[in-house]
């Protein structure tokens, strides 16, 4: 049984004069211990997908539907509030993009991690604090006792991100969701955080879903890649296969826009146009208005997401 099992997930938000279709019919399975990267431009539905899996979107206004939405066998669509609270932390945890907004500014880092541990396990405050200090040391924070007694504003972005990872690991989850965990960090600290996540995943045997717009991040971190655009999955496959031989025109365009990927001096390739408006998505394939290979059929009928090789699939008429 997969740890994450999603069948035909859709997420929409009503607004004046229409409905914003943020996620449109996603199917995805993630096995225990597997690492999966979800990539795409801003607005493609990456973060909303993760928030929907964990049921972190307020309902209403969000409307979540799916043929199946299970996390470790738990039906997340029908779970009670108590079941959801127990699942978040024990089964799955999330590292958010901005660590400063993840911590309450009026409590110390240690207090907030202790609070998380005690919410999920029957333990004393002293034992939870000892575990907190050990967790901070585990994420390679120097002087963990001092950091545990520090307030969020007293720490750098990199230290806060490590603290958030420690809090996410405090209940020993089976899978970690990381939503753009290095965007706000400089290159050196970004590399350290990514290496830390990989080490912890291997050490603890966790599953990992990494959300990012940076293809360089997924190349170094995950086993499998899911490429999203306009709320849909455009292509999916092993990370090395995706980088070596991208099939979907959107995946090819994303990889071509990475500086230094192609040898020789050349002008940086850019994808013409802009991402679709989720309140008024184009008909047919969502990428067809920007695709140089699109034909009449692409603008009329959405392509089927179908196999394009061993362990790979894509949604493109020219591949079927």
Foldseek 3Di string as FASTA:
>chain_A
DFQWFFFQKWKWFDDVPFIFTQAGTDTDGHHFLAEEEEAEDPSLNQVVVVCVLLVVDDPVRMDIDGPARDGRNHGPVPDDPVRSLQCDQQAEDEQEAFLLVVDDQVAALLVVLLVLLVVHDPDDSVVSSVLLLVLLVLLPDPPSVVNRRHGPVVDDRLSSLSSSVSSSPSNPHQEYEYANHPPVDDPVSSVSNLVSVQVVSVVSRHYYYYYDNDLVSCLPHGQKYFYGALNYTFKIAGSVCCQVPNDGQVSVQSNQQDPPPDDDDDDRRHQPDDGARSRDAFAADSCQVRGPPDDPNRRHHHFDFQDQDVRMTGTDPVSD
